[in-house]
Each structure stands twice: as structure tokens, then as C-alpha cells.
Amino acid sequence: MTSVIRRRRWFSAAAVVGATVILSGVVGMLAASAAQPPVGLGTAASFAVLAGTTVTNTGPSTISGDLGVSPGTAITGFPPGKVINGTQHAADAVALQAESDLTTAYTDAAGRIPATTVSKDLGGQTLAPGVYKATSGLGLTGTVTLNAQSNPNAVFVFQAGSTLITASSSTVKLTGGAEACNVFWQVGSSATLGTNSTFVGSVLALTSATVQTGTTVEGRVLARNGQVSLDDNTITLPTCAAATTTTTSPTTTTT
């Protein structure tokens, strides 16, 4: 009789432990898949291009959005480059505040967790919403596909420990309702977007950013401490589609 009681107690304890492990696993999965909010850019959100020291341009680049530099003062190459749907700000109060907000945004993006470690080259991969981290440099050869899985509010955050370098003719492709306004690239040193590449998202570089000949960006090129170099590029501020709300009419009961 005593051995039967002991067995029952053992099975009960095992069941409790098993249930605890399963519950912990479920909680862990929920935490790992928790939706990320967008990185808050503050006043830097209106800037398509922002640098700390200088902005230089070669060729007929078109910048749709604000263009600025602070604390540096030099913006060269406009014209032949042109700014549409925005204003140039050279070391004024607007650019100074935008750089301050960029620093806050950079720190926010760099601290996002949980982060999935990815290979140095993103080419050929299809990624779901979330945070992705490379401990050193991050590169792109070919195409990386960002799939929002039918959620237009899905956020993608990439954390590059040092550089971000995309190869010539590389592409960031959005599917599943993904929006460029919800893609962020935090770069631990400098970013280089290769010739004739198609890039999506906001680059938040600690040092500098170089956009090579013919590259298009649906997003932002923002550098905290260094320069931004442009060469016959088209850079367009991303816009998120307005969220749609469904209203339900109350049911009327007639007696």
C-alpha cells in the first residue's frame, strides 16, 4: 500500500513538472514572437537624408523629403541634385534636433530584443517580422525577401555590429503586405549601398553612409557622426498606408 502511494505521489510530481515545462515553453514562444513596435524617429522622420558632418552629391539625385546636416554645415551638389517635398537644413535648429532624435532612435534599434542571429549575407533568405542581428558586418548579395505575413504593421529591425554593405544590383523585396516605413537598419559603423541596388528601409548609421551610383532607396539614409555621399540616386521617404478600421452597427431589437 505504501509503495502504491509513493508511486502516485511520484506521478503527480512528474505531471506538475511536465506541465510547468510546457507552460514555460509556451510563454517563451510568445515572448520570442512578440510584435515589435516601429523605431521612433522623432523629428528625424521627416528627413530622407541626414548627416553629422557633410552631405555630398554627384549627378541628378532626387531627394523626396528633408535633407540636412548638423553640427556640420556643408551640403554640396544641390544642384544638380534636387530636393522635392522637403527642405534643406544646414546646422539649424531643425537639423540639430533631428540629429538628437536620431541618436535616440539608434539606441532604441540597437537595444531591441529578442534578436535572431543571421548569417553575414542575407541574400536568398525570406524573413518573417522580427529583430535580426549580425555580430559583425552585415551584407546583401542578390535578394532578401521580407514577408509581413499579411500584417501591414509588421516591423523588421536589423542590427549590424559593424558595417552594412550591399552588392551591386542587390534587392530588398517586400511581400505579404510589408511596408518600407517599418524596416530599420541599425549599423554599428558605416553603410555602403552598392551600385544600382534597390534598397528598402531606414538606415541608422553610427558613422557614415555611401549610396553608390544609380541606387534607389525607399526609406531614409541617416548618419549620426559622419557624412552621407550620394551619386545619381533617388531617395524617397516611406509612407505607411493608413490603418483601416471596421465599424459595426449596433443591433436594434424591436418588441
C-alpha atoms as a PDB file:
ATOM      1  CA  MET A   1       0.000   0.000   0.000  1.00  0.00           C
ATOM      2  CA  THR A   2       2.858   2.334   0.914  1.00  0.00           C
ATOM      3  CA  SER A   3       4.567   1.681  -2.445  1.00  0.00           C
ATOM      4  CA  VAL A   4       1.326   2.498  -4.313  1.00  0.00           C
ATOM      5  CA  ILE A   5       1.040   5.822  -2.501  1.00  0.00           C
ATOM      6  CA  ARG A   6       4.661   6.616  -3.299  1.00  0.00           C
ATOM      7  CA  ARG A   7       4.072   5.843  -6.990  1.00  0.00           C
ATOM      8  CA  ARG A   8       1.020   8.094  -7.077  1.00  0.00           C
ATOM      9  CA  ARG A   9       2.972  10.923  -5.473  1.00  0.00           C
ATOM     10  CA  TRP A  10       5.812  10.417  -7.977  1.00  0.00           C
ATOM     11  CA  PHE A  11       3.444  10.507 -10.958  1.00  0.00           C
ATOM     12  CA  SER A  12       1.716  13.630  -9.572  1.00  0.00           C
ATOM     13  CA  ALA A  13       5.038  15.416  -9.111  1.00  0.00           C
ATOM     14  CA  ALA A  14       6.152  14.420 -12.618  1.00  0.00           C
ATOM     15  CA  ALA A  15       2.903  15.728 -14.067  1.00  0.00           C
ATOM     16  CA  VAL A  16       3.365  19.067 -12.319  1.00  0.00           C
ATOM     17  CA  VAL A  17       6.955  19.365 -13.566  1.00  0.00           C
ATOM     18  CA  GLY A  18       5.913  18.423 -17.096  1.00  0.00           C
ATOM     19  CA  ALA A  19       3.099  20.951 -17.126  1.00  0.00           C
ATOM     20  CA  THR A  20       5.459  23.619 -15.818  1.00  0.00           C
ATOM     21  CA  VAL A  21       7.982  22.891 -18.589  1.00  0.00           C
ATOM     22  CA  ILE A  22       5.277  23.004 -21.265  1.00  0.00           C
ATOM     23  CA  LEU A  23       3.843  26.253 -19.891  1.00  0.00           C
ATOM     24  CA  SER A  24       7.323  27.796 -19.729  1.00  0.00           C
ATOM     25  CA  GLY A  25       7.918  26.792 -23.326  1.00  0.00           C
ATOM     26  CA  VAL A  26       4.652  28.385 -24.421  1.00  0.00           C
ATOM     27  CA  VAL A  27       5.440  31.605 -22.560  1.00  0.00           C
ATOM     28  CA  GLY A  28       8.917  31.615 -24.111  1.00  0.00           C
ATOM     29  CA  MET A  29       7.497  31.245 -27.607  1.00  0.00           C
ATOM     30  CA  LEU A  30       5.032  34.052 -27.009  1.00  0.00           C
ATOM     31  CA  ALA A  31       7.807  36.345 -25.794  1.00  0.00           C
ATOM     32  CA  ALA A  32      10.054  35.445 -28.724  1.00  0.00           C
ATOM     33  CA  SER A  33       7.294  36.165 -31.233  1.00  0.00           C
ATOM     34  CA  ALA A  34       6.030  39.328 -29.576  1.00  0.00           C
ATOM     35  CA  ALA A  35       5.334  42.023 -32.150  1.00  0.00           C
ATOM     36  CA  GLN A  36       7.884  44.828 -32.320  1.00  0.00           C
ATOM     37  CA  PRO A  37       6.750  48.462 -32.420  1.00  0.00           C
ATOM     38  CA  PRO A  38       8.332  50.740 -35.045  1.00  0.00           C
ATOM     39  CA  VAL A  39      11.539  52.518 -34.083  1.00  0.00           C
ATOM     40  CA  GLY A  40      10.591  56.037 -33.013  1.00  0.00           C
ATOM     41  CA  LEU A  41      12.492  58.529 -35.167  1.00  0.00           C
ATOM     42  CA  GLY A  42      11.067  61.706 -33.699  1.00  0.00           C
ATOM     43  CA  THR A  43      11.754  64.757 -35.853  1.00  0.00           C
ATOM     44  CA  ALA A  44      14.281  62.735 -37.890  1.00  0.00           C
ATOM     45  CA  ALA A  45      11.301  61.021 -39.518  1.00  0.00           C
ATOM     46  CA  SER A  46      10.870  63.892 -41.992  1.00  0.00           C
ATOM     47  CA  PHE A  47      14.445  63.546 -43.279  1.00  0.00           C
ATOM     48  CA  ALA A  48      15.237  61.384 -46.287  1.00  0.00           C
ATOM     49  CA  VAL A  49      18.937  62.225 -45.850  1.00  0.00           C
ATOM     50  CA  LEU A  50      20.642  63.431 -42.658  1.00  0.00           C
ATOM     51  CA  ALA A  51      24.358  63.614 -41.844  1.00  0.00           C
ATOM     52  CA  GLY A  52      26.538  64.723 -38.972  1.00  0.00           C
ATOM     53  CA  THR A  53      29.354  66.402 -40.933  1.00  0.00           C
ATOM     54  CA  THR A  54      28.611  66.819 -44.666  1.00  0.00           C
ATOM     55  CA  VAL A  55      26.265  65.764 -47.444  1.00  0.00           C
ATOM     56  CA  THR A  56      27.862  65.446 -50.888  1.00  0.00           C
ATOM     57  CA  ASN A  57      26.142  64.645 -54.157  1.00  0.00           C
ATOM     58  CA  THR A  58      27.193  63.843 -57.721  1.00  0.00           C
ATOM     59  CA  GLY A  59      24.695  63.830 -60.588  1.00  0.00           C
ATOM     60  CA  PRO A  60      20.948  64.460 -60.736  1.00  0.00           C
ATOM     61  CA  SER A  61      19.910  62.836 -57.456  1.00  0.00           C
ATOM     62  CA  THR A  62      16.339  63.371 -56.298  1.00  0.00           C
ATOM     63  CA  ILE A  63      15.615  63.527 -52.582  1.00  0.00           C
ATOM     64  CA  SER A  64      11.944  63.389 -51.607  1.00  0.00           C
ATOM     65  CA  GLY A  65      11.832  64.623 -48.029  1.00  0.00           C
ATOM     66  CA  ASP A  66      14.021  66.851 -45.903  1.00  0.00           C
ATOM     67  CA  LEU A  67      17.795  66.993 -46.398  1.00  0.00           C
ATOM     68  CA  GLY A  68      20.007  68.086 -43.533  1.00  0.00           C
ATOM     69  CA  VAL A  69      23.337  68.197 -41.736  1.00  0.00           C
ATOM     70  CA  SER A  70      24.326  69.042 -38.140  1.00  0.00           C
ATOM     71  CA  PRO A  71      26.618  70.019 -36.497  1.00  0.00           C
ATOM     72  CA  GLY A  72      28.407  70.234 -39.841  1.00  0.00           C
ATOM     73  CA  THR A  73      27.318  72.885 -42.317  1.00  0.00           C
ATOM     74  CA  ALA A  74      28.296  71.626 -45.785  1.00  0.00           C
ATOM     75  CA  ILE A  75      25.757  70.424 -48.343  1.00  0.00           C
ATOM     76  CA  THR A  76      27.248  70.197 -51.851  1.00  0.00           C
ATOM     77  CA  GLY A  77      25.925  69.022 -55.205  1.00  0.00           C
ATOM     78  CA  PHE A  78      22.442  70.589 -54.990  1.00  0.00           C
ATOM     79  CA  PRO A  79      22.031  71.382 -57.837  1.00  0.00           C
ATOM     80  CA  PRO A  80      22.351  69.259 -59.931  1.00  0.00           C
ATOM     81  CA  GLY A  81      20.650  67.269 -57.196  1.00  0.00           C
ATOM     82  CA  LYS A  82      17.214  68.430 -56.152  1.00  0.00           C
ATOM     83  CA  VAL A  83      15.065  68.264 -53.044  1.00  0.00           C
ATOM     84  CA  ILE A  84      11.319  67.812 -53.506  1.00  0.00           C
ATOM     85  CA  ASN A  85       8.587  67.615 -50.878  1.00  0.00           C
ATOM     86  CA  GLY A  86      11.090  68.815 -48.306  1.00  0.00           C
ATOM     87  CA  THR A  87      13.569  71.459 -47.184  1.00  0.00           C
ATOM     88  CA  GLN A  88      17.333  71.744 -46.790  1.00  0.00           C
ATOM     89  CA  HIS A  89      18.566  72.292 -43.226  1.00  0.00           C
ATOM     90  CA  ALA A  90      22.236  73.128 -42.647  1.00  0.00           C
ATOM     91  CA  ALA A  91      23.242  73.343 -38.977  1.00  0.00           C
ATOM     92  CA  ASP A  92      19.967  74.971 -37.983  1.00  0.00           C
ATOM     93  CA  ALA A  93      17.744  74.166 -35.018  1.00  0.00           C
ATOM     94  CA  VAL A  94      15.692  71.676 -37.041  1.00  0.00           C
ATOM     95  CA  ALA A  95      18.715  69.644 -38.121  1.00  0.00           C
ATOM     96  CA  LEU A  96      20.192  69.783 -34.615  1.00  0.00           C
ATOM     97  CA  GLN A  97      17.014  68.360 -33.095  1.00  0.00           C
ATOM     98  CA  ALA A  98      16.767  65.712 -35.821  1.00  0.00           C
ATOM     99  CA  GLU A  99      20.310  64.522 -35.059  1.00  0.00           C
ATOM    100  CA  SER A 100      19.449  64.327 -31.368  1.00  0.00           C
ATOM    101  CA  ASP A 101      16.348  62.264 -32.154  1.00  0.00           C
ATOM    102  CA  LEU A 102      18.407  60.062 -34.495  1.00  0.00           C
ATOM    103  CA  THR A 103      20.740  59.240 -31.595  1.00  0.00           C
ATOM    104  CA  THR A 104      17.739  58.187 -29.503  1.00  0.00           C
ATOM    105  CA  ALA A 105      16.352  56.087 -32.360  1.00  0.00           C
ATOM    106  CA  TYR A 106      19.734  54.442 -32.952  1.00  0.00           C
ATOM    107  CA  THR A 107      19.953  53.408 -29.296  1.00  0.00           C
ATOM    108  CA  ASP A 108      16.383  52.092 -29.434  1.00  0.00           C
ATOM    109  CA  ALA A 109      17.061  49.963 -32.527  1.00  0.00           C
ATOM    110  CA  ALA A 110      20.362  48.635 -31.162  1.00  0.00           C
ATOM    111  CA  GLY A 111      18.674  47.500 -27.949  1.00  0.00           C
ATOM    112  CA  ARG A 112      15.749  45.597 -29.449  1.00  0.00           C
ATOM    113  CA  ILE A 113      15.315  42.015 -28.205  1.00  0.00           C
ATOM    114  CA  PRO A 114      14.858  39.121 -28.672  1.00  0.00           C
ATOM    115  CA  ALA A 115      17.170  39.078 -31.692  1.00  0.00           C
ATOM    116  CA  THR A 116      17.727  36.191 -34.091  1.00  0.00           C
ATOM    117  CA  THR A 117      21.326  35.780 -35.243  1.00  0.00           C
ATOM    118  CA  VAL A 118      21.641  35.754 -39.028  1.00  0.00           C
ATOM    119  CA  SER A 119      24.454  34.935 -41.413  1.00  0.00           C
ATOM    120  CA  LYS A 120      26.675  37.717 -42.683  1.00  0.00           C
ATOM    121  CA  ASP A 121      24.975  37.686 -46.121  1.00  0.00           C
ATOM    122  CA  LEU A 122      21.179  37.986 -46.187  1.00  0.00           C
ATOM    123  CA  GLY A 123      20.944  37.089 -49.875  1.00  0.00           C
ATOM    124  CA  GLY A 124      18.488  34.338 -50.786  1.00  0.00           C
ATOM    125  CA  GLN A 125      16.659  34.416 -47.470  1.00  0.00           C
ATOM    126  CA  THR A 126      12.976  35.041 -46.719  1.00  0.00           C
ATOM    127  CA  LEU A 127      12.487  36.572 -43.279  1.00  0.00           C
ATOM    128  CA  ALA A 128       9.421  36.974 -41.076  1.00  0.00           C
ATOM    129  CA  PRO A 129       8.882  40.078 -38.918  1.00  0.00           C
ATOM    130  CA  GLY A 130      11.280  40.426 -36.008  1.00  0.00           C
ATOM    131  CA  VAL A 131      14.739  41.515 -34.930  1.00  0.00           C
ATOM    132  CA  TYR A 132      17.803  40.139 -36.737  1.00  0.00           C
ATOM    133  CA  LYS A 133      21.378  40.528 -35.563  1.00  0.00           C
ATOM    134  CA  ALA A 134      24.836  40.090 -37.085  1.00  0.00           C
ATOM    135  CA  THR A 135      27.625  40.370 -34.526  1.00  0.00           C
ATOM    136  CA  SER A 136      29.986  41.802 -37.139  1.00  0.00           C
ATOM    137  CA  GLY A 137      29.250  43.144 -40.631  1.00  0.00           C
ATOM    138  CA  LEU A 138      26.016  42.543 -42.499  1.00  0.00           C
ATOM    139  CA  GLY A 139      25.855  42.167 -46.271  1.00  0.00           C
ATOM    140  CA  LEU A 140      23.417  41.521 -49.070  1.00  0.00           C
ATOM    141  CA  THR A 141      24.125  39.762 -52.352  1.00  0.00           C
ATOM    142  CA  GLY A 142      21.117  39.091 -54.576  1.00  0.00           C
ATOM    143  CA  THR A 143      17.701  39.421 -52.939  1.00  0.00           C
ATOM    144  CA  VAL A 144      16.412  39.255 -49.388  1.00  0.00           C
ATOM    145  CA  THR A 145      12.624  38.957 -49.031  1.00  0.00           C
ATOM    146  CA  LEU A 146      10.821  40.453 -46.051  1.00  0.00           C
ATOM    147  CA  ASN A 147       7.451  38.767 -45.607  1.00  0.00           C
ATOM    148  CA  ALA A 148       4.994  40.568 -43.313  1.00  0.00           C
ATOM    149  CA  GLN A 149       2.643  37.570 -43.371  1.00  0.00           C
ATOM    150  CA  SER A 150      -0.386  39.714 -44.211  1.00  0.00           C
ATOM    151  CA  ASN A 151       0.294  42.148 -41.362  1.00  0.00           C
ATOM    152  CA  PRO A 152       0.949  45.676 -42.705  1.00  0.00           C
ATOM    153  CA  ASN A 153       2.102  46.748 -39.223  1.00  0.00           C
ATOM    154  CA  ALA A 154       4.847  44.114 -39.088  1.00  0.00           C
ATOM    155  CA  VAL A 155       8.248  45.540 -38.116  1.00  0.00           C
ATOM    156  CA  PHE A 156      11.704  44.377 -39.220  1.00  0.00           C
ATOM    157  CA  VAL A 157      14.804  45.552 -37.322  1.00  0.00           C
ATOM    158  CA  PHE A 158      18.316  44.642 -38.469  1.00  0.00           C
ATOM    159  CA  GLN A 159      21.284  45.127 -36.141  1.00  0.00           C
ATOM    160  CA  ALA A 160      24.706  45.169 -37.834  1.00  0.00           C
ATOM    161  CA  GLY A 161      27.600  45.032 -35.395  1.00  0.00           C
ATOM    162  CA  SER A 162      29.857  46.941 -37.774  1.00  0.00           C
ATOM    163  CA  THR A 163      29.237  47.650 -41.475  1.00  0.00           C
ATOM    164  CA  LEU A 164      26.273  47.201 -43.785  1.00  0.00           C
ATOM    165  CA  ILE A 165      27.381  46.549 -47.388  1.00  0.00           C
ATOM    166  CA  THR A 166      25.029  45.643 -50.222  1.00  0.00           C
ATOM    167  CA  ALA A 167      26.335  44.292 -53.525  1.00  0.00           C
ATOM    168  CA  SER A 168      25.660  45.844 -56.909  1.00  0.00           C
ATOM    169  CA  SER A 169      22.114  45.187 -58.195  1.00  0.00           C
ATOM    170  CA  SER A 170      21.026  43.687 -54.872  1.00  0.00           C
ATOM    171  CA  THR A 171      17.403  43.999 -53.784  1.00  0.00           C
ATOM    172  CA  VAL A 172      15.368  44.222 -50.595  1.00  0.00           C
ATOM    173  CA  LYS A 173      11.953  42.825 -51.570  1.00  0.00           C
ATOM    174  CA  LEU A 174       8.742  43.311 -49.583  1.00  0.00           C
ATOM    175  CA  THR A 175       5.926  40.754 -49.631  1.00  0.00           C
ATOM    176  CA  GLY A 176       2.902  39.832 -47.553  1.00  0.00           C
ATOM    177  CA  GLY A 177       1.879  43.449 -47.023  1.00  0.00           C
ATOM    178  CA  ALA A 178       5.254  44.599 -45.638  1.00  0.00           C
ATOM    179  CA  GLU A 179       5.794  48.377 -45.619  1.00  0.00           C
ATOM    180  CA  ALA A 180       9.070  50.245 -46.087  1.00  0.00           C
ATOM    181  CA  CYS A 181       8.234  52.555 -43.174  1.00  0.00           C
ATOM    182  CA  ASN A 182       8.519  49.568 -40.819  1.00  0.00           C
ATOM    183  CA  VAL A 183      12.001  48.399 -41.869  1.00  0.00           C
ATOM    184  CA  PHE A 184      15.034  49.661 -39.910  1.00  0.00           C
ATOM    185  CA  TRP A 185      18.772  49.026 -40.326  1.00  0.00           C
ATOM    186  CA  GLN A 186      20.922  49.904 -37.317  1.00  0.00           C
ATOM    187  CA  VAL A 187      24.569  49.991 -38.445  1.00  0.00           C
ATOM    188  CA  GLY A 188      27.415  49.901 -35.928  1.00  0.00           C
ATOM    189  CA  SER A 189      29.835  51.806 -38.174  1.00  0.00           C
ATOM    190  CA  SER A 190      29.202  52.761 -41.824  1.00  0.00           C
ATOM    191  CA  ALA A 191      26.801  51.702 -44.559  1.00  0.00           C
ATOM    192  CA  THR A 192      27.504  51.268 -48.279  1.00  0.00           C
ATOM    193  CA  LEU A 193      24.623  50.647 -50.679  1.00  0.00           C
ATOM    194  CA  GLY A 194      26.046  49.144 -53.874  1.00  0.00           C
ATOM    195  CA  THR A 195      25.669  50.368 -57.454  1.00  0.00           C
ATOM    196  CA  ASN A 196      22.193  50.071 -58.974  1.00  0.00           C
ATOM    197  CA  SER A 197      20.791  48.331 -55.917  1.00  0.00           C
ATOM    198  CA  THR A 198      17.187  48.608 -54.764  1.00  0.00           C
ATOM    199  CA  PHE A 199      17.069  49.229 -51.048  1.00  0.00           C
ATOM    200  CA  VAL A 200      14.160  49.493 -48.620  1.00  0.00           C
ATOM    201  CA  GLY A 201      14.060  50.843 -45.089  1.00  0.00           C
ATOM    202  CA  SER A 202      15.674  53.450 -42.875  1.00  0.00           C
ATOM    203  CA  VAL A 203      19.457  53.255 -42.422  1.00  0.00           C
ATOM    204  CA  LEU A 204      20.600  54.462 -38.985  1.00  0.00           C
ATOM    205  CA  ALA A 205      24.393  54.522 -39.246  1.00  0.00           C
ATOM    206  CA  LEU A 206      26.696  55.427 -36.386  1.00  0.00           C
ATOM    207  CA  THR A 207      29.359  56.895 -38.660  1.00  0.00           C
ATOM    208  CA  SER A 208      28.689  57.469 -42.362  1.00  0.00           C
ATOM    209  CA  ALA A 209      26.708  56.248 -45.364  1.00  0.00           C
ATOM    210  CA  THR A 210      27.629  55.956 -49.038  1.00  0.00           C
ATOM    211  CA  VAL A 211      24.932  55.457 -51.669  1.00  0.00           C
ATOM    212  CA  GLN A 212      26.613  54.416 -54.895  1.00  0.00           C
ATOM    213  CA  THR A 213      25.676  55.246 -58.484  1.00  0.00           C
ATOM    214  CA  GLY A 214      22.119  54.544 -59.573  1.00  0.00           C
ATOM    215  CA  THR A 215      20.855  53.121 -56.291  1.00  0.00           C
ATOM    216  CA  THR A 216      17.278  53.794 -55.218  1.00  0.00           C
ATOM    217  CA  VAL A 217      16.111  53.887 -51.617  1.00  0.00           C
ATOM    218  CA  GLU A 218      12.548  53.776 -50.366  1.00  0.00           C
ATOM    219  CA  GLY A 219      13.353  54.882 -46.867  1.00  0.00           C
ATOM    220  CA  ARG A 220      15.990  57.072 -45.248  1.00  0.00           C
ATOM    221  CA  VAL A 221      19.770  57.411 -45.157  1.00  0.00           C
ATOM    222  CA  LEU A 222      20.689  58.822 -41.745  1.00  0.00           C
ATOM    223  CA  ALA A 223      24.231  59.130 -40.367  1.00  0.00           C
ATOM    224  CA  ARG A 224      24.898  60.229 -36.790  1.00  0.00           C
ATOM    225  CA  ASN A 225      28.541  61.341 -36.764  1.00  0.00           C
ATOM    226  CA  GLY A 226      29.870  61.327 -40.326  1.00  0.00           C
ATOM    227  CA  GLN A 227      28.973  62.125 -43.923  1.00  0.00           C
ATOM    228  CA  VAL A 228      26.403  60.940 -46.434  1.00  0.00           C
ATOM    229  CA  SER A 229      27.625  60.582 -50.014  1.00  0.00           C
ATOM    230  CA  LEU A 230      25.184  60.387 -52.931  1.00  0.00           C
ATOM    231  CA  ASP A 231      25.643  59.676 -56.649  1.00  0.00           C
ATOM    232  CA  ASP A 232      22.688  59.887 -59.037  1.00  0.00           C
ATOM    233  CA  ASN A 233      20.243  58.387 -56.553  1.00  0.00           C
ATOM    234  CA  THR A 234      16.542  58.510 -55.848  1.00  0.00           C
ATOM    235  CA  ILE A 235      15.690  58.505 -52.151  1.00  0.00           C
ATOM    236  CA  THR A 236      12.046  58.669 -51.159  1.00  0.00           C
ATOM    237  CA  LEU A 237      10.579  58.911 -47.675  1.00  0.00           C
ATOM    238  CA  PRO A 238       8.443  55.859 -46.934  1.00  0.00           C
ATOM    239  CA  THR A 239       4.813  56.267 -46.010  1.00  0.00           C
ATOM    240  CA  CYS A 240       2.644  53.759 -44.216  1.00  0.00           C
ATOM    241  CA  ALA A 241      -0.836  53.156 -45.513  1.00  0.00           C
ATOM    242  CA  ALA A 242      -3.482  54.480 -43.129  1.00  0.00           C
ATOM    243  CA  ALA A 243      -4.853  51.781 -40.892  1.00  0.00           C
ATOM    244  CA  THR A 244      -8.387  50.763 -41.775  1.00  0.00           C
ATOM    245  CA  THR A 245     -10.966  50.405 -39.045  1.00  0.00           C
ATOM    246  CA  THR A 246     -14.161  48.438 -39.229  1.00  0.00           C
ATOM    247  CA  THR A 247     -17.236  49.840 -37.528  1.00  0.00           C
ATOM    248  CA  THR A 248     -20.079  47.574 -36.524  1.00  0.00           C
ATOM    249  CA  SER A 249     -23.600  48.996 -36.320  1.00  0.00           C
ATOM    250  CA  PRO A 250     -25.424  48.129 -33.094  1.00  0.00           C
ATOM    251  CA  THR A 251     -28.179  45.584 -33.395  1.00  0.00           C
ATOM    252  CA  THR A 252     -31.677  47.024 -32.888  1.00  0.00           C
ATOM    253  CA  THR A 253     -34.325  44.768 -31.354  1.00  0.00           C
ATOM    254  CA  THR A 254     -37.996  45.612 -31.921  1.00  0.00           C
ATOM    255  CA  THR A 255     -40.513  44.403 -29.350  1.00  0.00           C
END
